[in-house]
Amino acid sequence: MTTKKREFDTPGIILAGTFILIGGIFLNDARTLMDADSYVFPMAICVVMIVLCISFIVWNLLKPHPDEDATAKPGSTVRRVGLVVLMLASAFVMPYVGFLPAGFGVFAALMAIAKFKPWTWKHAVTYALICVAIVTGFYVLFDVVFLVPLPEIPF
């Protein structure tokens, strides 16, 4: 009987540990802010990031061996570059067209880049509704709940 050597995502564990350290530094720094409106959001993000990184490390250390037949498929460089380009384009366009149009545009473009097989009408309608729900949800969350001023539609 041969024993399988456990394979860990060492770069991922190191990166998660780095983000735990960064999150701890920012969490400590957020405590020095005077106004409650200024420290609640950064502290919440830091806590979520730290918990997710710890969860990733624990999951990675405890996960079962992968099947020998299961091999990771290489990613698409075009999709990865497209993601970065679209996010940067959205950030640059947002001050001129507003949060909602930029959000809808980049979300729709990201879904088009991410598709692997042709969409049916049912898929297209479902994805459009999901796009509207997520972008509008983020707008309400930040603009209404957190009172973060977002770029408005100029007309």
Protein backbone atom coordinates (compact mmCIF):
# COMPACT_ATOMS: atom_id res chain seq x y z
CA MET A 1 0.00 0.00 0.00
CA THR A 2 1.42 3.34 -0.99
CA THR A 3 0.80 6.41 1.06
CA LYS A 4 -0.16 9.57 -0.71
CA LYS A 5 1.71 12.70 0.11
CA ARG A 6 -0.67 15.45 1.16
CA GLU A 7 -0.62 18.38 -1.16
CA PHE A 8 -1.28 21.79 0.33
CA ASP A 9 -1.82 25.10 -1.36
CA THR A 10 1.31 26.56 0.21
CA PRO A 11 1.22 29.88 -1.71
CA GLY A 12 -2.47 30.23 -0.80
CA ILE A 13 -1.75 29.54 2.88
CA ILE A 14 1.08 32.08 2.88
CA LEU A 15 -1.13 34.66 1.17
CA ALA A 16 -3.98 33.99 3.61
CA GLY A 17 -1.55 34.40 6.52
CA THR A 18 -0.36 37.67 5.01
CA PHE A 19 -3.95 38.90 4.75
CA ILE A 20 -4.59 37.88 8.36
CA LEU A 21 -1.60 40.01 9.38
CA ILE A 22 -2.74 42.93 7.20
CA GLY A 23 -6.29 42.61 8.54
CA GLY A 24 -4.97 42.63 12.11
CA ILE A 25 -2.93 45.76 11.46
CA PHE A 26 -5.90 47.57 9.90
CA LEU A 27 -8.24 46.29 12.62
CA ASN A 28 -5.93 47.73 15.26
CA ASP A 29 -5.63 50.98 13.31
CA ALA A 30 -9.42 51.28 12.90
CA ARG A 31 -9.79 51.33 16.68
CA THR A 32 -8.07 54.71 16.75
CA LEU A 33 -10.79 56.36 14.65
CA MET A 34 -13.03 58.63 16.69
CA ASP A 35 -16.30 58.61 14.78
CA ALA A 36 -18.40 55.42 14.86
CA ASP A 37 -19.33 55.95 11.21
CA SER A 38 -15.63 55.83 10.36
CA TYR A 39 -14.62 52.62 12.10
CA VAL A 40 -17.60 50.25 11.88
CA PHE A 41 -17.24 49.39 8.18
CA PRO A 42 -13.44 48.92 8.11
CA MET A 43 -13.58 46.81 11.27
CA ALA A 44 -16.36 44.63 9.83
CA ILE A 45 -14.42 44.08 6.61
CA CYS A 46 -11.24 43.23 8.55
CA VAL A 47 -13.05 40.73 10.76
CA VAL A 48 -14.71 39.05 7.77
CA MET A 49 -11.38 38.90 5.91
CA ILE A 50 -9.58 37.39 8.90
CA VAL A 51 -12.32 34.79 9.48
CA LEU A 52 -12.35 33.81 5.79
CA CYS A 53 -8.55 33.52 5.69
CA ILE A 54 -8.51 31.35 8.82
CA SER A 55 -11.27 29.21 7.31
CA PHE A 56 -9.26 28.83 4.11
CA ILE A 57 -6.16 27.72 6.01
CA VAL A 58 -8.11 25.21 8.14
CA TRP A 59 -9.96 23.86 5.09
CA ASN A 60 -6.71 23.52 3.17
CA LEU A 61 -5.02 21.62 6.00
CA LEU A 62 -7.98 19.28 6.56
CA LYS A 63 -9.21 18.68 3.00
CA PRO A 64 -9.12 15.13 1.64
CA HIS A 65 -6.72 14.00 -1.03
CA PRO A 66 -7.79 14.83 -4.56
CA ASP A 67 -8.65 11.94 -6.84
CA GLU A 68 -5.81 10.91 -9.09
CA ASP A 69 -8.14 11.25 -12.08
CA ALA A 70 -9.24 14.73 -11.08
CA THR A 71 -6.96 17.29 -12.62
CA ALA A 72 -7.33 21.01 -12.48
CA LYS A 73 -8.18 22.59 -15.78
CA PRO A 74 -5.99 25.52 -16.70
CA GLY A 75 -7.65 28.91 -16.44
CA SER A 76 -8.29 31.26 -19.28
CA THR A 77 -5.80 34.10 -19.41
CA VAL A 78 -8.13 36.10 -21.65
CA ARG A 79 -10.88 35.92 -19.01
CA ARG A 80 -8.51 36.93 -16.23
CA VAL A 81 -7.16 39.89 -18.17
CA GLY A 82 -10.71 40.81 -19.18
CA LEU A 83 -11.76 40.84 -15.53
CA VAL A 84 -8.99 43.26 -14.60
CA VAL A 85 -9.61 45.48 -17.65
CA LEU A 86 -13.36 45.63 -16.99
CA MET A 87 -12.92 46.45 -13.30
CA LEU A 88 -10.45 49.23 -14.11
CA ALA A 89 -12.68 50.57 -16.88
CA SER A 90 -15.62 50.60 -14.49
CA ALA A 91 -13.61 52.51 -11.89
CA PHE A 92 -12.58 55.14 -14.45
CA VAL A 93 -16.04 55.49 -16.05
CA MET A 94 -18.04 55.51 -12.81
CA PRO A 95 -17.45 59.20 -11.91
CA TYR A 96 -18.80 60.25 -15.31
CA VAL A 97 -21.81 57.96 -15.74
CA GLY A 98 -22.69 57.10 -12.14
CA PHE A 99 -22.56 53.95 -10.02
CA LEU A 100 -25.63 52.19 -11.37
CA PRO A 101 -24.92 52.43 -15.14
CA ALA A 102 -21.25 51.51 -14.61
CA GLY A 103 -22.23 48.66 -12.30
CA PHE A 104 -24.82 47.26 -14.69
CA GLY A 105 -22.42 47.57 -17.62
CA VAL A 106 -19.45 45.89 -15.96
CA PHE A 107 -21.61 43.16 -14.41
CA ALA A 108 -23.19 42.32 -17.77
CA ALA A 109 -19.80 42.36 -19.49
CA LEU A 110 -18.31 40.11 -16.79
CA MET A 111 -21.15 37.63 -17.21
CA ALA A 112 -20.59 37.62 -20.97
CA ILE A 113 -16.87 36.95 -20.47
CA ALA A 114 -17.54 34.23 -17.89
CA LYS A 115 -19.99 32.20 -19.97
CA PHE A 116 -18.74 28.82 -21.09
CA LYS A 117 -21.70 27.59 -23.08
CA PRO A 118 -24.43 29.41 -25.02
CA TRP A 119 -27.24 30.92 -22.97
CA THR A 120 -30.87 30.06 -23.39
CA TRP A 121 -33.50 32.80 -23.04
CA LYS A 122 -34.22 31.49 -19.55
CA HIS A 123 -30.55 31.83 -18.59
CA ALA A 124 -30.29 35.32 -20.08
CA VAL A 125 -33.39 36.57 -18.21
CA THR A 126 -32.25 34.94 -14.98
CA TYR A 127 -28.76 36.46 -15.27
CA ALA A 128 -30.21 39.89 -16.09
CA LEU A 129 -32.42 39.75 -12.99
CA ILE A 130 -29.45 38.65 -10.88
CA CYS A 131 -27.41 41.55 -12.31
CA VAL A 132 -30.12 44.06 -11.42
CA ALA A 133 -30.58 42.57 -7.95
CA ILE A 134 -26.88 42.52 -7.06
CA VAL A 135 -25.94 45.95 -8.42
CA THR A 136 -29.05 47.58 -6.94
CA GLY A 137 -28.46 45.73 -3.67
CA PHE A 138 -24.92 47.09 -3.42
CA TYR A 139 -26.17 50.58 -4.27
CA VAL A 140 -28.80 50.44 -1.50
CA LEU A 141 -26.32 48.91 0.96
CA PHE A 142 -23.67 51.55 0.48
CA ASP A 143 -25.74 54.64 -0.38
CA VAL A 144 -28.72 54.12 1.91
CA VAL A 145 -27.50 51.92 4.75
CA PHE A 146 -23.82 52.89 5.10
CA LEU A 147 -24.38 56.45 3.78
CA VAL A 148 -21.35 56.20 1.50
CA PRO A 149 -21.68 58.80 -1.24
CA LEU A 150 -21.61 57.04 -4.61
CA PRO A 151 -21.30 58.64 -8.03
CA GLU A 152 -24.74 59.69 -9.25
CA ILE A 153 -26.09 59.58 -12.77
CA PRO A 154 -25.18 63.03 -14.18
CA PHE A 155 -28.47 63.65 -15.99
